[in-house]
């Protein structure tokens, strides 16, 4: 079994609290036999996935126990930001904030 057959890269990224490119790199290094390039805890997880054909629910439980709960979702973070913007709309420069956000989105 391949790692990406057991869980999506996006889900694994969230559980490991790492970017998707980092998770892709870990998987690539691991699958090419360069396990020393992968953090030991992540390497242990990959072995568990490959060797025992663990379910997605079991992977999630394992990661939460081993790596902690994932950060709140982006949508929850966005909702918090929207509420703050509404609360302080008279004291903030929304045009400047929009430019910053658009610049960051383009960078992604």
N, C-alpha and C. Protein backbone atom coordinates (compact mmCIF):
# COMPACT_ATOMS: atom_id res chain seq x y z
N UNK A 1 0.85 -1.19 0.00
CA UNK A 1 0.00 0.00 0.00
C UNK A 1 0.88 1.24 0.00
N UNK A 2 0.49 2.21 -0.82
CA UNK A 2 1.17 3.50 -0.81
C UNK A 2 0.54 4.39 0.24
N UNK A 3 1.30 5.33 0.76
CA UNK A 3 0.82 6.23 1.81
C UNK A 3 -0.38 7.02 1.32
N UNK A 4 -0.30 7.54 0.10
CA UNK A 4 -1.39 8.36 -0.42
C UNK A 4 -2.65 7.55 -0.73
N UNK A 5 -2.55 6.22 -0.72
CA UNK A 5 -3.75 5.38 -0.88
C UNK A 5 -4.54 5.31 0.42
N UNK A 6 -3.85 5.54 1.54
CA UNK A 6 -4.50 5.41 2.85
C UNK A 6 -5.11 6.72 3.33
N UNK A 7 -4.53 7.84 2.93
CA UNK A 7 -4.99 9.15 3.41
C UNK A 7 -4.54 10.21 2.41
N UNK A 8 -5.33 11.26 2.25
CA UNK A 8 -4.94 12.31 1.30
C UNK A 8 -3.78 13.12 1.85
N UNK A 9 -3.04 13.72 0.96
CA UNK A 9 -1.91 14.56 1.36
C UNK A 9 -2.42 15.75 2.17
N UNK A 10 -3.55 16.31 1.79
CA UNK A 10 -4.11 17.44 2.52
C UNK A 10 -4.44 17.05 3.96
N UNK A 11 -5.08 15.90 4.14
CA UNK A 11 -5.41 15.45 5.49
C UNK A 11 -4.14 15.16 6.30
N UNK A 12 -3.19 14.51 5.67
CA UNK A 12 -1.94 14.19 6.35
C UNK A 12 -1.18 15.46 6.71
N UNK A 13 -1.19 16.41 5.83
CA UNK A 13 -0.55 17.70 6.08
C UNK A 13 -1.15 18.38 7.32
N UNK A 14 -2.47 18.36 7.40
CA UNK A 14 -3.16 18.98 8.54
C UNK A 14 -2.82 18.24 9.83
N UNK A 15 -2.82 16.93 9.78
CA UNK A 15 -2.54 16.13 10.97
C UNK A 15 -1.10 16.26 11.45
N UNK A 16 -0.17 16.39 10.50
CA UNK A 16 1.24 16.51 10.86
C UNK A 16 1.64 17.96 11.14
N UNK A 17 0.72 18.89 10.82
CA UNK A 17 0.98 20.31 10.97
C UNK A 17 2.17 20.74 10.12
N UNK A 18 2.19 20.23 8.90
CA UNK A 18 3.23 20.54 7.92
C UNK A 18 2.57 20.94 6.61
N UNK A 19 3.29 21.70 5.79
CA UNK A 19 2.74 22.09 4.49
C UNK A 19 2.65 20.87 3.57
N UNK A 20 1.78 20.95 2.57
CA UNK A 20 1.67 19.85 1.61
C UNK A 20 2.99 19.58 0.89
N UNK A 21 3.73 20.64 0.46
CA UNK A 21 5.02 20.35 -0.18
C UNK A 21 5.98 19.59 0.75
N UNK A 22 5.95 19.90 2.03
CA UNK A 22 6.80 19.19 2.99
C UNK A 22 6.39 17.73 3.09
N UNK A 23 5.08 17.48 3.15
CA UNK A 23 4.59 16.10 3.24
C UNK A 23 4.94 15.33 1.97
N UNK A 24 4.78 15.97 0.80
CA UNK A 24 5.19 15.33 -0.45
C UNK A 24 6.68 14.96 -0.41
N UNK A 25 7.50 15.87 0.11
CA UNK A 25 8.95 15.61 0.19
C UNK A 25 9.22 14.43 1.12
N UNK A 26 8.55 14.42 2.28
CA UNK A 26 8.73 13.30 3.22
C UNK A 26 8.38 11.97 2.54
N UNK A 27 7.25 11.95 1.84
CA UNK A 27 6.81 10.72 1.19
C UNK A 27 7.81 10.31 0.09
N UNK A 28 8.24 11.27 -0.69
CA UNK A 28 9.20 10.98 -1.75
C UNK A 28 10.50 10.42 -1.18
N UNK A 29 11.01 11.07 -0.15
CA UNK A 29 12.25 10.59 0.49
C UNK A 29 12.05 9.20 1.07
N UNK A 30 10.94 9.00 1.75
CA UNK A 30 10.65 7.72 2.39
C UNK A 30 10.55 6.61 1.34
N UNK A 31 9.77 6.87 0.29
CA UNK A 31 9.55 5.85 -0.73
C UNK A 31 10.80 5.56 -1.56
N UNK A 32 11.73 6.52 -1.61
CA UNK A 32 12.98 6.28 -2.35
C UNK A 32 14.05 5.64 -1.47
N UNK A 33 13.70 5.39 -0.20
CA UNK A 33 14.63 4.72 0.71
C UNK A 33 15.49 5.65 1.53
N UNK A 34 15.30 6.95 1.41
CA UNK A 34 16.08 7.93 2.17
C UNK A 34 15.36 8.29 3.47
N UNK A 35 15.18 7.32 4.33
CA UNK A 35 14.42 7.53 5.57
C UNK A 35 15.11 8.50 6.52
N UNK A 36 16.42 8.67 6.40
CA UNK A 36 17.12 9.61 7.28
C UNK A 36 16.72 11.06 7.02
N UNK A 37 16.17 11.33 5.85
CA UNK A 37 15.72 12.68 5.51
C UNK A 37 14.33 12.99 6.08
N UNK A 38 13.69 11.98 6.65
CA UNK A 38 12.33 12.12 7.19
C UNK A 38 12.41 12.07 8.72
N UNK A 39 11.71 13.00 9.42
CA UNK A 39 11.71 12.93 10.88
C UNK A 39 11.27 11.54 11.35
N UNK A 40 11.89 11.07 12.42
CA UNK A 40 11.64 9.71 12.89
C UNK A 40 10.16 9.45 13.18
N UNK A 41 9.48 10.41 13.80
CA UNK A 41 8.06 10.21 14.13
C UNK A 41 7.22 10.04 12.87
N UNK A 42 7.56 10.79 11.83
CA UNK A 42 6.83 10.68 10.56
C UNK A 42 7.18 9.36 9.88
N UNK A 43 8.44 8.99 9.94
CA UNK A 43 8.89 7.71 9.38
C UNK A 43 8.15 6.55 10.06
N UNK A 44 8.00 6.62 11.38
CA UNK A 44 7.26 5.60 12.12
C UNK A 44 5.81 5.51 11.62
N UNK A 45 5.19 6.66 11.40
CA UNK A 45 3.82 6.69 10.88
C UNK A 45 3.75 6.05 9.50
N UNK A 46 4.68 6.40 8.63
CA UNK A 46 4.69 5.84 7.28
C UNK A 46 4.85 4.32 7.32
N UNK A 47 5.72 3.83 8.18
CA UNK A 47 5.87 2.37 8.31
C UNK A 47 4.57 1.73 8.80
N UNK A 48 3.93 2.38 9.74
CA UNK A 48 2.66 1.87 10.25
C UNK A 48 1.62 1.78 9.13
N UNK A 49 1.55 2.82 8.31
CA UNK A 49 0.59 2.85 7.20
C UNK A 49 0.89 1.73 6.21
N UNK A 50 2.13 1.59 5.83
CA UNK A 50 2.52 0.62 4.81
C UNK A 50 2.47 -0.82 5.34
N UNK A 51 2.98 -1.02 6.54
CA UNK A 51 3.12 -2.39 7.07
C UNK A 51 1.82 -2.99 7.60
N UNK A 52 0.92 -2.17 8.10
CA UNK A 52 -0.26 -2.74 8.74
C UNK A 52 -1.58 -2.41 8.03
N UNK A 53 -1.51 -1.67 6.92
CA UNK A 53 -2.72 -1.29 6.20
C UNK A 53 -3.77 -0.71 7.15
N UNK A 54 -3.36 0.26 7.90
CA UNK A 54 -4.17 0.95 8.89
C UNK A 54 -5.26 1.78 8.19
N UNK A 55 -6.41 1.93 8.81
CA UNK A 55 -7.50 2.72 8.22
C UNK A 55 -7.23 4.22 8.42
N UNK A 56 -7.97 5.03 7.65
CA UNK A 56 -7.83 6.48 7.78
C UNK A 56 -8.19 6.94 9.19
N UNK A 57 -9.22 6.36 9.78
CA UNK A 57 -9.63 6.73 11.15
C UNK A 57 -8.51 6.39 12.14
N UNK A 58 -7.86 5.26 11.94
CA UNK A 58 -6.77 4.87 12.83
C UNK A 58 -5.55 5.78 12.64
N UNK A 59 -5.30 6.19 11.39
CA UNK A 59 -4.21 7.14 11.13
C UNK A 59 -4.49 8.45 11.85
N UNK A 60 -5.73 8.92 11.74
CA UNK A 60 -6.12 10.18 12.39
C UNK A 60 -5.93 10.09 13.90
N UNK A 61 -6.41 9.00 14.51
CA UNK A 61 -6.24 8.83 15.96
C UNK A 61 -4.77 8.78 16.34
N UNK A 62 -3.99 8.03 15.58
CA UNK A 62 -2.55 7.91 15.84
C UNK A 62 -1.88 9.29 15.79
N UNK A 63 -2.18 10.05 14.73
CA UNK A 63 -1.56 11.37 14.56
C UNK A 63 -1.97 12.34 15.66
N UNK A 64 -3.24 12.32 16.03
CA UNK A 64 -3.69 13.20 17.10
C UNK A 64 -2.99 12.87 18.41
N UNK A 65 -2.79 11.59 18.65
CA UNK A 65 -2.09 11.17 19.87
C UNK A 65 -0.61 11.51 19.80
N UNK A 66 0.00 11.27 18.67
CA UNK A 66 1.45 11.44 18.52
C UNK A 66 1.86 12.89 18.26
N UNK A 67 1.07 13.60 17.46
CA UNK A 67 1.45 14.95 17.04
C UNK A 67 0.55 16.04 17.62
N UNK A 68 -0.48 15.66 18.35
CA UNK A 68 -1.39 16.64 18.92
C UNK A 68 -2.54 16.94 17.97
N UNK A 69 -3.51 17.64 18.46
CA UNK A 69 -4.67 18.00 17.65
C UNK A 69 -4.25 18.98 16.56
N UNK A 70 -4.80 18.85 15.36
CA UNK A 70 -4.48 19.81 14.30
C UNK A 70 -5.02 21.19 14.65
N UNK A 71 -4.43 22.21 14.05
CA UNK A 71 -4.89 23.57 14.26
C UNK A 71 -6.31 23.71 13.76
N UNK A 72 -6.99 24.77 14.25
CA UNK A 72 -8.36 24.97 13.79
C UNK A 72 -8.35 25.16 12.28
N UNK A 73 -9.45 24.85 11.68
CA UNK A 73 -9.52 24.89 10.22
C UNK A 73 -9.41 26.32 9.70
N UNK A 74 -9.04 26.42 8.46
CA UNK A 74 -8.91 27.71 7.80
C UNK A 74 -10.25 28.44 7.83
N UNK A 75 -11.35 27.73 7.61
CA UNK A 75 -12.65 28.40 7.60
C UNK A 75 -12.97 29.00 8.96
N UNK A 76 -12.60 28.32 10.03
CA UNK A 76 -12.82 28.88 11.37
C UNK A 76 -11.94 30.11 11.58
N UNK A 77 -10.72 30.06 11.10
CA UNK A 77 -9.83 31.21 11.21
C UNK A 77 -10.38 32.39 10.41
N UNK A 78 -10.88 32.11 9.21
CA UNK A 78 -11.45 33.17 8.39
C UNK A 78 -12.67 33.78 9.06
N UNK A 79 -13.49 32.96 9.66
CA UNK A 79 -14.68 33.47 10.35
C UNK A 79 -14.28 34.39 11.51
N UNK A 80 -13.24 34.01 12.24
CA UNK A 80 -12.74 34.86 13.33
C UNK A 80 -12.25 36.20 12.79
N UNK A 81 -11.56 36.17 11.67
CA UNK A 81 -11.05 37.41 11.06
C UNK A 81 -12.21 38.29 10.60
N UNK A 82 -13.21 37.68 9.98
CA UNK A 82 -14.38 38.44 9.53
C UNK A 82 -15.06 39.14 10.70
N UNK A 83 -15.22 38.42 11.79
CA UNK A 83 -15.85 39.01 12.97
C UNK A 83 -15.05 40.21 13.51
N UNK A 84 -13.73 40.07 13.52
CA UNK A 84 -12.88 41.17 13.96
C UNK A 84 -12.98 42.36 13.01
N UNK A 85 -13.01 42.09 11.74
CA UNK A 85 -13.14 43.17 10.76
C UNK A 85 -14.46 43.92 10.93
N UNK A 86 -15.51 43.19 11.15
CA UNK A 86 -16.81 43.83 11.37
C UNK A 86 -16.80 44.69 12.63
N UNK A 87 -16.19 44.15 13.67
CA UNK A 87 -16.17 44.86 14.95
C UNK A 87 -15.37 46.16 14.87
N UNK A 88 -14.27 46.15 14.11
CA UNK A 88 -13.38 47.31 14.08
C UNK A 88 -13.35 48.01 12.73
N UNK A 89 -14.41 47.86 11.93
CA UNK A 89 -14.40 48.37 10.57
C UNK A 89 -14.14 49.87 10.47
N UNK A 90 -14.52 50.65 11.45
CA UNK A 90 -14.32 52.09 11.39
C UNK A 90 -12.88 52.49 11.71
N UNK A 91 -12.12 51.57 12.30
CA UNK A 91 -10.77 51.91 12.72
C UNK A 91 -9.68 51.24 11.88
N UNK A 92 -10.06 50.49 10.86
CA UNK A 92 -9.06 49.77 10.07
C UNK A 92 -9.13 50.16 8.61
N UNK A 93 -8.04 49.95 7.91
CA UNK A 93 -7.93 50.25 6.49
C UNK A 93 -8.18 48.97 5.70
N UNK A 94 -9.44 48.75 5.31
CA UNK A 94 -9.82 47.52 4.62
C UNK A 94 -9.13 47.37 3.26
N UNK A 95 -8.90 48.48 2.57
CA UNK A 95 -8.23 48.40 1.28
C UNK A 95 -6.81 47.85 1.44
N UNK A 96 -6.13 48.31 2.45
CA UNK A 96 -4.76 47.83 2.70
C UNK A 96 -4.76 46.34 3.06
N UNK A 97 -5.71 45.94 3.89
CA UNK A 97 -5.82 44.53 4.27
C UNK A 97 -6.11 43.67 3.05
N UNK A 98 -7.01 44.13 2.18
CA UNK A 98 -7.33 43.38 0.97
C UNK A 98 -6.09 43.20 0.10
N UNK A 99 -5.28 44.24 -0.06
CA UNK A 99 -4.07 44.15 -0.86
C UNK A 99 -3.10 43.13 -0.27
N UNK A 100 -2.96 43.12 1.04
CA UNK A 100 -2.07 42.17 1.71
C UNK A 100 -2.55 40.74 1.50
N UNK A 101 -3.86 40.54 1.65
CA UNK A 101 -4.43 39.20 1.48
C UNK A 101 -4.27 38.73 0.04
N UNK A 102 -4.56 39.59 -0.92
CA UNK A 102 -4.41 39.20 -2.33
C UNK A 102 -2.95 38.86 -2.66
N UNK A 103 -2.03 39.60 -2.10
CA UNK A 103 -0.61 39.33 -2.31
C UNK A 103 -0.23 37.96 -1.74
N UNK A 104 -0.73 37.64 -0.57
CA UNK A 104 -0.43 36.35 0.06
C UNK A 104 -1.06 35.20 -0.73
N UNK A 105 -2.28 35.39 -1.22
CA UNK A 105 -2.95 34.36 -2.01
C UNK A 105 -2.17 34.09 -3.29
N UNK A 106 -1.69 35.13 -3.93
CA UNK A 106 -0.90 34.97 -5.16
C UNK A 106 0.39 34.20 -4.87
N UNK A 107 0.94 34.42 -3.69
CA UNK A 107 2.19 33.77 -3.31
C UNK A 107 1.99 32.26 -3.13
N UNK A 108 0.79 31.86 -2.73
CA UNK A 108 0.49 30.45 -2.54
C UNK A 108 0.42 29.78 -3.87
